[in-house]
């Protein structure tokens, strides 16, 4: 896990926490690096309450939203 100090803003950046989400066709097996660290790959990622999957389908996000809405109605 490599951490570097960004000189202009003076904050630590953790390259070990970065992930790569492959979408589309053609580069599923490519390895990407950042700061000399090979990025981990993932098939779905949740950020800011939104779930994004590699196939870019919204069915999982819709199911999560429906379940949350149902909690309020019960």
C-alpha atoms as a PDB file:
ATOM      1  CA  UNK A   1       0.000   0.000   0.000  1.00  0.00           C
ATOM      2  CA  UNK A   2       1.651   3.203  -1.147  1.00  0.00           C
ATOM      3  CA  UNK A   3       0.784   6.571   0.285  1.00  0.00           C
ATOM      4  CA  UNK A   4       2.149   9.751  -1.215  1.00  0.00           C
ATOM      5  CA  UNK A   5       1.886  13.340  -0.157  1.00  0.00           C
ATOM      6  CA  UNK A   6       0.382  15.502  -2.869  1.00  0.00           C
ATOM      7  CA  UNK A   7       2.587  18.585  -2.917  1.00  0.00           C
ATOM      8  CA  UNK A   8       0.088  21.263  -3.974  1.00  0.00           C
ATOM      9  CA  UNK A   9      -2.724  20.384  -1.535  1.00  0.00           C
ATOM     10  CA  UNK A  10      -0.727  18.643   1.220  1.00  0.00           C
ATOM     11  CA  UNK A  11      -2.971  15.591   1.648  1.00  0.00           C
ATOM     12  CA  UNK A  12      -2.194  11.867   1.701  1.00  0.00           C
ATOM     13  CA  UNK A  13      -3.445   9.755  -1.191  1.00  0.00           C
ATOM     14  CA  UNK A  14      -3.800   6.000  -0.589  1.00  0.00           C
ATOM     15  CA  UNK A  15      -3.294   4.149  -3.876  1.00  0.00           C
ATOM     16  CA  UNK A  16      -4.110   0.816  -2.197  1.00  0.00           C
ATOM     17  CA  UNK A  17      -7.771   1.791  -1.785  1.00  0.00           C
ATOM     18  CA  UNK A  18      -8.291   2.586  -5.471  1.00  0.00           C
ATOM     19  CA  UNK A  19     -10.280   0.138  -7.606  1.00  0.00           C
ATOM     20  CA  UNK A  20     -10.878  -0.319 -11.314  1.00  0.00           C
ATOM     21  CA  UNK A  21     -14.379  -1.080 -12.632  1.00  0.00           C
ATOM     22  CA  UNK A  22     -14.313  -2.456 -16.185  1.00  0.00           C
ATOM     23  CA  UNK A  23     -17.289  -1.519 -18.343  1.00  0.00           C
ATOM     24  CA  UNK A  24     -17.886  -2.403 -21.964  1.00  0.00           C
ATOM     25  CA  UNK A  25     -15.895  -4.897 -23.990  1.00  0.00           C
ATOM     26  CA  UNK A  26     -12.262  -5.463 -24.819  1.00  0.00           C
ATOM     27  CA  UNK A  27     -10.239  -4.606 -21.709  1.00  0.00           C
ATOM     28  CA  UNK A  28     -11.628  -6.950 -19.057  1.00  0.00           C
ATOM     29  CA  UNK A  29      -8.237  -8.501 -18.325  1.00  0.00           C
ATOM     30  CA  UNK A  30      -6.081  -5.370 -18.506  1.00  0.00           C
ATOM     31  CA  UNK A  31      -4.213  -4.332 -15.369  1.00  0.00           C
ATOM     32  CA  UNK A  32      -3.998  -0.666 -14.514  1.00  0.00           C
ATOM     33  CA  UNK A  33      -1.509   0.989 -12.190  1.00  0.00           C
ATOM     34  CA  UNK A  34      -1.536   4.208 -10.223  1.00  0.00           C
ATOM     35  CA  UNK A  35       1.556   5.452  -8.457  1.00  0.00           C
ATOM     36  CA  UNK A  36       3.308   2.142  -9.170  1.00  0.00           C
ATOM     37  CA  UNK A  37       0.537   0.137  -7.458  1.00  0.00           C
ATOM     38  CA  UNK A  38      -1.586  -2.325  -9.475  1.00  0.00           C
ATOM     39  CA  UNK A  39      -5.250  -1.429  -8.998  1.00  0.00           C
ATOM     40  CA  UNK A  40      -7.693  -4.077  -7.785  1.00  0.00           C
ATOM     41  CA  UNK A  41     -10.607  -4.839 -10.097  1.00  0.00           C
ATOM     42  CA  UNK A  42     -14.243  -5.045  -9.040  1.00  0.00           C
ATOM     43  CA  UNK A  43     -17.539  -5.981 -10.701  1.00  0.00           C
ATOM     44  CA  UNK A  44     -19.636  -3.483  -8.722  1.00  0.00           C
ATOM     45  CA  UNK A  45     -18.993  -0.479  -6.542  1.00  0.00           C
ATOM     46  CA  UNK A  46     -21.152   1.561  -4.193  1.00  0.00           C
ATOM     47  CA  UNK A  47     -20.336   5.237  -3.859  1.00  0.00           C
ATOM     48  CA  UNK A  48     -22.484   8.070  -2.529  1.00  0.00           C
ATOM     49  CA  UNK A  49     -25.402   5.650  -2.154  1.00  0.00           C
ATOM     50  CA  UNK A  50     -25.370   4.620  -5.804  1.00  0.00           C
ATOM     51  CA  UNK A  51     -24.473   1.062  -6.848  1.00  0.00           C
ATOM     52  CA  UNK A  52     -22.671   0.800 -10.175  1.00  0.00           C
ATOM     53  CA  UNK A  53     -22.056  -2.597 -11.781  1.00  0.00           C
ATOM     54  CA  UNK A  54     -19.820  -3.612 -14.662  1.00  0.00           C
ATOM     55  CA  UNK A  55     -22.811  -4.396 -16.905  1.00  0.00           C
ATOM     56  CA  UNK A  56     -24.242  -0.911 -16.177  1.00  0.00           C
ATOM     57  CA  UNK A  57     -27.706  -2.315 -15.378  1.00  0.00           C
ATOM     58  CA  UNK A  58     -29.787  -0.450 -12.816  1.00  0.00           C
ATOM     59  CA  UNK A  59     -31.833  -3.429 -11.596  1.00  0.00           C
ATOM     60  CA  UNK A  60     -29.838  -3.839  -8.386  1.00  0.00           C
ATOM     61  CA  UNK A  61     -30.032  -0.123  -7.586  1.00  0.00           C
ATOM     62  CA  UNK A  62     -33.784  -0.175  -8.292  1.00  0.00           C
ATOM     63  CA  UNK A  63     -34.254  -3.115  -5.931  1.00  0.00           C
ATOM     64  CA  UNK A  64     -32.371  -1.352  -3.147  1.00  0.00           C
ATOM     65  CA  UNK A  65     -34.446   1.806  -3.609  1.00  0.00           C
ATOM     66  CA  UNK A  66     -37.704  -0.200  -3.621  1.00  0.00           C
ATOM     67  CA  UNK A  67     -36.728  -1.990  -0.399  1.00  0.00           C
ATOM     68  CA  UNK A  68     -35.961   1.323   1.314  1.00  0.00           C
ATOM     69  CA  UNK A  69     -39.297   2.745   0.146  1.00  0.00           C
ATOM     70  CA  UNK A  70     -41.153  -0.303   1.405  1.00  0.00           C
ATOM     71  CA  UNK A  71     -39.634   0.156   4.888  1.00  0.00           C
ATOM     72  CA  UNK A  72     -41.243   3.575   5.149  1.00  0.00           C
ATOM     73  CA  UNK A  73     -44.645   2.236   4.113  1.00  0.00           C
ATOM     74  CA  UNK A  74     -44.674  -0.627   6.631  1.00  0.00           C
END
